[in-house]
Structures are given as C-alpha cells and as structure tokens.
Protein backbone atom coordinates (compact mmCIF):
# COMPACT_ATOMS: atom_id res chain seq x y z
CA MET A 1 0.00 0.00 0.00
CA LYS A 2 2.82 2.38 0.87
CA SER A 3 4.59 1.80 -2.46
CA PHE A 4 1.31 2.28 -4.33
CA LEU A 5 0.83 5.73 -2.73
CA LYS A 6 4.45 6.59 -3.42
CA THR A 7 4.02 5.62 -7.09
CA MET A 8 0.78 7.60 -7.40
CA THR A 9 2.37 10.66 -5.78
CA TRP A 10 5.39 10.44 -8.06
CA THR A 11 3.15 10.13 -11.12
CA ALA A 12 1.09 13.12 -10.07
CA VAL A 13 4.18 15.25 -9.46
CA THR A 14 5.77 14.41 -12.81
CA THR A 15 2.50 15.00 -14.67
CA ALA A 16 2.05 18.37 -12.98
CA ALA A 17 5.67 19.33 -13.72
CA ALA A 18 5.30 18.36 -17.39
CA PHE A 19 2.08 20.36 -17.65
CA LEU A 20 3.66 23.44 -16.04
CA MET A 21 6.68 23.29 -18.32
CA ALA A 22 4.51 22.95 -21.42
CA THR A 23 2.20 25.84 -20.50
CA ALA A 24 5.04 28.08 -19.35
CA GLY A 25 6.78 27.73 -22.70
CA ALA A 26 3.59 28.55 -24.58
CA ALA A 27 2.87 31.55 -22.38
CA ARG A 28 6.41 32.83 -22.83
CA ALA A 29 6.15 32.50 -26.62
CA VAL A 30 2.86 34.42 -26.70
CA ALA A 31 4.13 37.12 -24.35
CA ALA A 32 7.39 37.56 -26.26
CA GLU A 33 5.72 38.36 -29.57
CA PRO A 34 4.39 41.90 -28.83
CA VAL A 35 7.56 42.75 -26.92
CA SER A 36 9.70 41.87 -29.93
CA GLU A 37 7.61 44.21 -32.11
CA SER A 38 8.06 46.98 -29.56
CA VAL A 39 11.80 46.29 -29.40
CA LYS A 40 12.01 46.42 -33.21
CA LEU A 41 10.17 49.74 -33.22
CA HIS A 42 12.49 51.26 -30.61
CA ARG A 43 15.56 50.01 -32.49
CA LEU A 44 14.17 51.56 -35.66
CA ALA A 45 13.61 54.81 -33.75
CA GLN A 46 17.20 54.84 -32.50
CA SER A 47 18.64 54.18 -35.93
CA ALA A 48 16.51 56.80 -37.74
CA THR A 49 18.70 59.52 -39.24
CA THR A 50 16.72 61.04 -42.11
CA ALA A 51 13.46 62.97 -42.13
CA ALA A 52 11.72 60.14 -43.99
CA GLU A 53 12.87 57.55 -41.45
CA HIS A 54 11.67 59.71 -38.54
CA ALA A 55 8.32 60.20 -40.29
CA LYS A 56 7.99 56.44 -40.73
CA VAL A 57 8.82 55.85 -37.06
CA ALA A 58 6.31 58.54 -36.04
CA LYS A 59 3.61 56.81 -38.06
CA LEU A 60 4.40 53.45 -36.46
CA PHE A 61 4.29 54.95 -32.96
CA ARG A 62 0.99 56.67 -33.78
CA LEU A 63 -0.48 53.36 -34.98
CA GLN A 64 0.77 51.66 -31.82
CA GLY A 65 -0.82 54.42 -29.73
CA GLU A 66 -4.14 54.01 -31.53
CA ALA A 67 -4.02 50.24 -30.96
CA MET A 68 -3.36 50.77 -27.26
CA GLU A 69 -6.19 53.28 -27.05
CA ALA A 70 -8.54 50.70 -28.60
CA LYS A 71 -7.31 48.11 -26.12
CA ALA A 72 -7.98 50.52 -23.24
CA LEU A 73 -11.53 51.12 -24.49
CA ALA A 74 -12.11 47.37 -24.69
CA HIS A 75 -10.89 46.90 -21.11
CA GLU A 76 -13.09 49.76 -19.89
CA SER A 77 -16.17 48.33 -21.57
CA LYS A 78 -15.40 44.94 -20.05
CA ALA A 79 -15.07 46.58 -16.60
CA LYS A 80 -18.45 48.29 -17.09
CA GLU A 81 -19.96 44.97 -18.10
CA TYR A 82 -18.60 43.32 -14.94
CA SER A 83 -19.85 46.16 -12.72
CA SER A 84 -23.35 46.01 -14.24
CA GLN A 85 -23.71 42.31 -13.42
CA PRO A 86 -25.56 41.49 -10.21
CA LYS A 87 -23.33 40.73 -7.25
CA PRO A 88 -23.41 37.28 -5.70
CA ALA A 89 -24.60 36.94 -2.11
CA LEU A 90 -21.06 36.31 -0.97
CA ALA A 91 -20.10 39.84 -2.06
CA TYR A 92 -22.28 41.36 0.65
CA LYS A 93 -21.11 39.19 3.50
CA TRP A 94 -17.45 38.60 2.57
CA PRO A 95 -16.47 41.02 -0.22
CA SER A 96 -12.82 40.01 -0.09
CA MET A 97 -13.74 36.45 -1.05
CA VAL A 98 -15.25 37.51 -4.39
CA PRO A 99 -12.90 37.89 -7.40
CA GLN A 100 -12.67 41.52 -8.48
CA LYS A 101 -12.79 41.12 -12.26
CA GLY A 102 -13.80 44.73 -12.85
CA ALA A 103 -10.85 46.06 -10.86
CA GLU A 104 -8.41 43.99 -12.91
CA GLU A 105 -9.95 45.25 -16.15
CA ARG A 106 -9.73 48.86 -14.94
CA LYS A 107 -6.07 48.32 -14.06
CA LEU A 108 -5.40 46.93 -17.55
CA ALA A 109 -7.21 49.92 -19.07
CA VAL A 110 -4.99 52.32 -17.12
CA GLN A 111 -1.88 50.48 -18.29
CA ALA A 112 -3.07 50.55 -21.90
CA ARG A 113 -3.84 54.28 -21.67
CA ARG A 114 -0.37 54.95 -20.25
CA ALA A 115 1.23 52.96 -23.08
CA SER A 116 -0.92 54.83 -25.58
CA ARG A 117 0.12 58.20 -24.16
CA GLU A 118 3.81 57.19 -24.29
CA ALA A 119 3.46 56.02 -27.90
CA PHE A 120 1.79 59.30 -28.91
CA GLU A 121 4.56 61.25 -27.17
CA MET A 122 7.19 59.28 -29.10
CA ALA A 123 5.28 59.89 -32.33
CA SER A 124 5.21 63.61 -31.60
CA LYS A 125 8.92 63.62 -30.88
CA HIS A 126 9.73 61.88 -34.17
CA VAL A 127 7.42 64.20 -36.14
CA GLN A 128 9.32 67.12 -34.64
CA LEU A 129 12.66 65.49 -35.56
CA ALA A 130 11.44 64.86 -39.10
CA VAL A 131 10.35 68.48 -39.49
CA GLU A 132 13.63 69.80 -38.11
CA LEU A 133 15.65 67.55 -40.42
CA GLN A 134 13.47 68.55 -43.37
CA GLN A 135 13.94 72.25 -42.59
CA GLY A 136 17.67 71.68 -42.17
CA ALA A 137 17.84 69.99 -45.57
CA VAL A 138 15.87 72.81 -47.18
CA ALA A 139 18.09 75.45 -45.51
CA ALA A 140 21.25 73.59 -46.56
CA GLY A 141 19.99 73.43 -50.15
CA ASN A 142 19.57 77.22 -50.40
C-alpha cells in the first residue's frame, strides 16, 4: 500500500511538472511576440537619421498608440460589463472572497492608456525630428 501511494504521488508530481513546463513555454512565446515588435520599433527609432525615417517611425508609434487606445476602451467596456452584473450573495457578506474582475480590467485599461500616451509622445517627438531635419535639408539646399 505504501509503495502504491508513493508511485501515485510520483506520477502526479511528474505529470504536474510536465504540464507546467509545457504551458510556461507557450505563455512565454505568446508574451514575447508583442515585446519583440516593440523592441524592433524602438531600435528603428534609435537608428533613424533622415526625415523620412523619422516620419515612418512617427507613423508606427501613432499606430501603436491608436491600438493601445482601442485596447484601453475594450478593457473599460469589459469593466463596465462586470460592474453592471448582479453581485453574488457572498459579495455582501465577505467582499474580499469575491474575485474583483472589474478592478483587474480597470487596471489593464490604465496600463493601456499609459502605453498609448507614451506612444503618442514618441510619435510627436519623431514628427518634430522629421520636421527639423526637413527644414535643415531645405536650408542647406539654399
């Protein structure tokens, strides 16, 4: 009986470990994809030297900002949806025991808005650099 329990415990542990390793790898691969796009955009921004390159980078940052703004709106609508749902009885007696889905969605909306604002600021900076380089090229040509 003791060896049977030991075998069952060992099997359960190895199965759980295999499952965790498989899901962790998949989660890492999914999470790494948007980061790599952001890293590529920042590398492109650092290597931009001409007015056209800065204009291209500004456009990409603006598109990223718009995407983040849309993501923030989606999170806010989801938070409103969660807050409009009736509360379970447990929420009145033990509120800390109830998952706060709306709060998590609001937090994600704030993060997306912050990322959107940062992307728009970077776009503005690169538009300004493109204009300055364009004016410098025009002034140098005269």
